[in-house]
Structures are given as structure tokens and as C-alpha cells.
Amino acid sequence: MLDIANDIVAREISLCGVVGRKIFETWNQSINFLSNPSILQDLSTLVTHKLMFEDFEQGFDLMLTRQCGKVLLFLNADELRESQ
């Protein structure tokens, strides 16, 4: 259970979130943005590694040593092959 006094206030942690009706507007803006094929092509370069979920430790090692961009984990080997 989260202890707000000790886990957040005492550690001076800042929490940010989105509330209200603007969240739906944000989703619509994101969908429109990602519908542009040239933007999608540019974003695909951010994904540097695709791994099976069982290999998550390798993914974390890549992140901790700053040797990657975005690491995607797949639960299904067929989906991993299709993504290549």
C-alpha cells in the first residue's frame, strides 16, 4: 500500500497526471499525428531492439547501459517475426 507521507512527501517526489476531458482530445491529436506515413517511418527508427518477453533482462541491461533506443517486448514469437 502506498504511504503518501513517507513514500511521496518525505521523498519530495512530484507526481504528474492527466485528468479531465482534454485526455480525449490528446488521443485524437495523437491518432492524427501517427496517421501520417512519413512520421510513422521516422518514429520506427526509435525502436532499436525487439525481444521476446522472456529476454526482458537483456532489454533492461540495454537500457541501463544506454545501448538502445526503444526496446519492444513480445509475448508471441509469431508477432515478433511479423514485426521484423
N, C-alpha and C. Protein backbone atom coordinates (compact mmCIF):
# COMPACT_ATOMS: atom_id res chain seq x y z
N MET A 1 0.83 -1.18 0.00
CA MET A 1 0.00 0.00 0.00
C MET A 1 0.88 1.25 0.00
N LEU A 2 0.47 2.25 -0.73
CA LEU A 2 1.20 3.49 -0.85
C LEU A 2 0.99 4.34 0.40
N ASP A 3 2.09 4.74 1.01
CA ASP A 3 2.07 5.63 2.17
C ASP A 3 2.45 7.01 1.66
N ILE A 4 1.47 7.87 1.46
CA ILE A 4 1.70 9.17 0.84
C ILE A 4 2.72 9.99 1.62
N ALA A 5 2.62 10.00 2.94
CA ALA A 5 3.53 10.81 3.76
C ALA A 5 4.98 10.37 3.59
N ASN A 6 5.23 9.07 3.69
CA ASN A 6 6.61 8.58 3.63
C ASN A 6 7.10 8.31 2.21
N ASP A 7 6.22 7.81 1.36
CA ASP A 7 6.66 7.43 0.01
C ASP A 7 6.71 8.60 -0.96
N ILE A 8 5.92 9.64 -0.73
CA ILE A 8 5.87 10.75 -1.68
C ILE A 8 6.36 12.05 -1.04
N VAL A 9 5.70 12.48 0.03
CA VAL A 9 6.03 13.77 0.63
C VAL A 9 7.45 13.79 1.19
N ALA A 10 7.81 12.80 1.97
CA ALA A 10 9.14 12.78 2.59
C ALA A 10 10.26 12.67 1.56
N ARG A 11 9.97 12.04 0.44
CA ARG A 11 10.99 11.89 -0.61
C ARG A 11 10.94 13.02 -1.63
N GLU A 12 10.02 13.95 -1.43
CA GLU A 12 9.86 15.10 -2.33
C GLU A 12 9.64 14.67 -3.78
N ILE A 13 8.81 13.65 -3.96
CA ILE A 13 8.51 13.14 -5.29
C ILE A 13 7.39 13.96 -5.90
N SER A 14 7.53 14.31 -7.17
CA SER A 14 6.49 15.02 -7.90
C SER A 14 5.70 14.02 -8.72
N LEU A 15 4.40 14.10 -8.65
CA LEU A 15 3.52 13.25 -9.44
C LEU A 15 2.82 14.10 -10.49
N CYS A 16 2.77 13.61 -11.70
CA CYS A 16 2.09 14.31 -12.79
C CYS A 16 1.08 13.37 -13.40
N GLY A 17 0.00 13.90 -13.85
CA GLY A 17 -1.02 13.09 -14.49
C GLY A 17 -1.92 13.94 -15.36
N VAL A 18 -2.81 13.27 -16.05
CA VAL A 18 -3.77 13.95 -16.91
C VAL A 18 -5.15 13.63 -16.39
N VAL A 19 -5.94 14.67 -16.19
CA VAL A 19 -7.32 14.47 -15.76
C VAL A 19 -8.23 15.35 -16.61
N GLY A 20 -9.48 14.98 -16.65
CA GLY A 20 -10.45 15.81 -17.34
C GLY A 20 -10.68 15.40 -18.77
N ARG A 21 -11.43 16.25 -19.46
CA ARG A 21 -11.87 15.93 -20.81
C ARG A 21 -10.79 16.10 -21.86
N LYS A 22 -9.71 16.80 -21.55
CA LYS A 22 -8.64 17.03 -22.52
C LYS A 22 -7.94 15.75 -22.94
N ILE A 23 -8.05 14.70 -22.11
CA ILE A 23 -7.35 13.46 -22.45
C ILE A 23 -7.86 12.88 -23.78
N PHE A 24 -9.15 13.03 -24.05
CA PHE A 24 -9.69 12.51 -25.31
C PHE A 24 -9.19 13.34 -26.49
N GLU A 25 -9.07 14.63 -26.28
CA GLU A 25 -8.52 15.49 -27.33
C GLU A 25 -7.07 15.10 -27.63
N THR A 26 -6.32 14.79 -26.59
CA THR A 26 -4.94 14.37 -26.76
C THR A 26 -4.85 13.08 -27.55
N TRP A 27 -5.73 12.12 -27.25
CA TRP A 27 -5.74 10.86 -28.00
C TRP A 27 -6.03 11.12 -29.47
N ASN A 28 -7.00 11.98 -29.76
CA ASN A 28 -7.34 12.29 -31.15
C ASN A 28 -6.17 12.97 -31.86
N GLN A 29 -5.49 13.87 -31.17
CA GLN A 29 -4.32 14.52 -31.77
C GLN A 29 -3.23 13.48 -32.05
N SER A 30 -3.03 12.55 -31.14
CA SER A 30 -2.01 11.51 -31.33
C SER A 30 -2.34 10.62 -32.51
N ILE A 31 -3.61 10.24 -32.62
CA ILE A 31 -4.03 9.39 -33.74
C ILE A 31 -3.80 10.11 -35.06
N ASN A 32 -4.19 11.39 -35.12
CA ASN A 32 -3.97 12.16 -36.35
C ASN A 32 -2.49 12.30 -36.66
N PHE A 33 -1.69 12.54 -35.65
CA PHE A 33 -0.25 12.67 -35.83
C PHE A 33 0.36 11.38 -36.38
N LEU A 34 -0.03 10.26 -35.79
CA LEU A 34 0.55 8.97 -36.20
C LEU A 34 -0.05 8.44 -37.49
N SER A 35 -1.09 9.06 -38.00
CA SER A 35 -1.68 8.64 -39.27
C SER A 35 -0.84 9.09 -40.46
N ASN A 36 0.07 9.99 -40.23
CA ASN A 36 0.94 10.49 -41.28
C ASN A 36 2.05 9.46 -41.54
N PRO A 37 2.09 8.85 -42.73
CA PRO A 37 3.09 7.80 -43.01
C PRO A 37 4.54 8.26 -42.84
N SER A 38 4.85 9.49 -43.19
CA SER A 38 6.24 9.94 -43.06
C SER A 38 6.64 10.05 -41.59
N ILE A 39 5.72 10.42 -40.73
CA ILE A 39 6.02 10.49 -39.30
C ILE A 39 6.20 9.08 -38.75
N LEU A 40 5.34 8.16 -39.16
CA LEU A 40 5.48 6.77 -38.70
C LEU A 40 6.82 6.19 -39.11
N GLN A 41 7.25 6.49 -40.33
CA GLN A 41 8.54 5.98 -40.80
C GLN A 41 9.67 6.53 -39.95
N ASP A 42 9.61 7.81 -39.62
CA ASP A 42 10.64 8.42 -38.79
C ASP A 42 10.63 7.83 -37.39
N LEU A 43 9.44 7.56 -36.83
CA LEU A 43 9.35 7.01 -35.48
C LEU A 43 9.87 5.58 -35.41
N SER A 44 9.79 4.85 -36.51
CA SER A 44 10.24 3.46 -36.49
C SER A 44 11.74 3.35 -36.20
N THR A 45 12.49 4.39 -36.46
CA THR A 45 13.93 4.35 -36.18
C THR A 45 14.21 4.42 -34.68
N LEU A 46 13.21 4.81 -33.89
CA LEU A 46 13.39 4.86 -32.44
C LEU A 46 13.48 3.47 -31.84
N VAL A 47 12.82 2.49 -32.47
CA VAL A 47 12.84 1.11 -31.97
C VAL A 47 14.14 0.48 -32.42
N THR A 48 15.01 0.18 -31.45
CA THR A 48 16.32 -0.38 -31.79
C THR A 48 16.41 -1.87 -31.51
N HIS A 49 15.53 -2.39 -30.65
CA HIS A 49 15.58 -3.81 -30.29
C HIS A 49 14.18 -4.38 -30.13
N LYS A 50 13.99 -5.58 -30.62
CA LYS A 50 12.74 -6.32 -30.46
C LYS A 50 13.09 -7.67 -29.86
N LEU A 51 12.54 -7.96 -28.70
CA LEU A 51 12.91 -9.18 -27.96
C LEU A 51 11.66 -9.91 -27.49
N MET A 52 11.84 -11.18 -27.21
CA MET A 52 10.78 -11.94 -26.57
C MET A 52 10.71 -11.52 -25.10
N PHE A 53 9.53 -11.62 -24.53
CA PHE A 53 9.33 -11.20 -23.14
C PHE A 53 10.28 -11.93 -22.20
N GLU A 54 10.56 -13.20 -22.49
CA GLU A 54 11.46 -13.97 -21.63
C GLU A 54 12.86 -13.36 -21.55
N ASP A 55 13.21 -12.55 -22.55
CA ASP A 55 14.53 -11.92 -22.61
C ASP A 55 14.51 -10.50 -22.06
N PHE A 56 13.54 -10.22 -21.18
CA PHE A 56 13.39 -8.86 -20.67
C PHE A 56 14.66 -8.38 -19.96
N GLU A 57 15.40 -9.29 -19.32
CA GLU A 57 16.62 -8.87 -18.62
C GLU A 57 17.64 -8.28 -19.60
N GLN A 58 17.72 -8.87 -20.79
CA GLN A 58 18.61 -8.33 -21.82
C GLN A 58 18.15 -6.91 -22.20
N GLY A 59 16.85 -6.73 -22.32
CA GLY A 59 16.31 -5.41 -22.63
C GLY A 59 16.64 -4.39 -21.55
N PHE A 60 16.50 -4.79 -20.28
CA PHE A 60 16.83 -3.88 -19.19
C PHE A 60 18.32 -3.57 -19.15
N ASP A 61 19.14 -4.58 -19.44
CA ASP A 61 20.59 -4.34 -19.50
C ASP A 61 20.93 -3.32 -20.58
N LEU A 62 20.28 -3.44 -21.74
CA LEU A 62 20.50 -2.49 -22.83
C LEU A 62 20.11 -1.08 -22.39
N MET A 63 18.98 -0.98 -21.68
CA MET A 63 18.53 0.34 -21.22
C MET A 63 19.46 0.92 -20.17
N LEU A 64 19.85 0.08 -19.20
CA LEU A 64 20.70 0.57 -18.11
C LEU A 64 22.07 1.02 -18.59
N THR A 65 22.56 0.40 -19.65
CA THR A 65 23.87 0.77 -20.20
C THR A 65 23.75 1.75 -21.36
N ARG A 66 22.54 2.22 -21.59
CA ARG A 66 22.26 3.23 -22.63
C ARG A 66 22.73 2.78 -24.01
N GLN A 67 22.47 1.52 -24.32
CA GLN A 67 22.87 0.96 -25.62
C GLN A 67 21.68 0.76 -26.55
N CYS A 68 20.57 1.45 -26.26
CA CYS A 68 19.38 1.23 -27.08
C CYS A 68 18.54 2.49 -27.13
N GLY A 69 17.56 2.43 -28.03
CA GLY A 69 16.52 3.45 -28.06
C GLY A 69 15.32 2.84 -27.35
N LYS A 70 14.32 2.47 -28.13
CA LYS A 70 13.11 1.83 -27.59
C LYS A 70 13.25 0.32 -27.73
N VAL A 71 12.97 -0.41 -26.66
CA VAL A 71 13.00 -1.87 -26.68
C VAL A 71 11.56 -2.37 -26.60
N LEU A 72 11.16 -3.17 -27.59
CA LEU A 72 9.83 -3.76 -27.58
C LEU A 72 9.92 -5.20 -27.13
N LEU A 73 9.02 -5.61 -26.23
CA LEU A 73 8.96 -6.99 -25.77
C LEU A 73 7.69 -7.65 -26.31
N PHE A 74 7.84 -8.85 -26.85
CA PHE A 74 6.72 -9.58 -27.44
C PHE A 74 6.43 -10.84 -26.63
N LEU A 75 5.16 -11.12 -26.44
CA LEU A 75 4.74 -12.34 -25.75
C LEU A 75 4.62 -13.51 -26.73
N ASN A 76 4.46 -13.20 -28.00
CA ASN A 76 4.19 -14.21 -29.01
C ASN A 76 5.30 -14.17 -30.07
N ALA A 77 5.93 -15.32 -30.33
CA ALA A 77 7.04 -15.39 -31.29
C ALA A 77 6.58 -15.04 -32.71
N ASP A 78 5.36 -15.41 -33.05
CA ASP A 78 4.84 -15.07 -34.38
C ASP A 78 4.75 -13.55 -34.57
N GLU A 79 4.29 -12.85 -33.55
CA GLU A 79 4.20 -11.40 -33.64
C GLU A 79 5.59 -10.77 -33.74
N LEU A 80 6.55 -11.34 -33.05
CA LEU A 80 7.92 -10.84 -33.16
C LEU A 80 8.43 -11.01 -34.58
N ARG A 81 8.22 -12.18 -35.17
CA ARG A 81 8.66 -12.42 -36.56
C ARG A 81 7.97 -11.48 -37.52
N GLU A 82 6.68 -11.25 -37.33
CA GLU A 82 5.92 -10.36 -38.22
C GLU A 82 6.41 -8.92 -38.10
N SER A 83 6.93 -8.54 -36.97
CA SER A 83 7.37 -7.16 -36.76
C SER A 83 8.72 -6.87 -37.39
N GLN A 84 9.45 -7.91 -37.78
CA GLN A 84 10.81 -7.73 -38.32
C GLN A 84 10.78 -7.11 -39.70
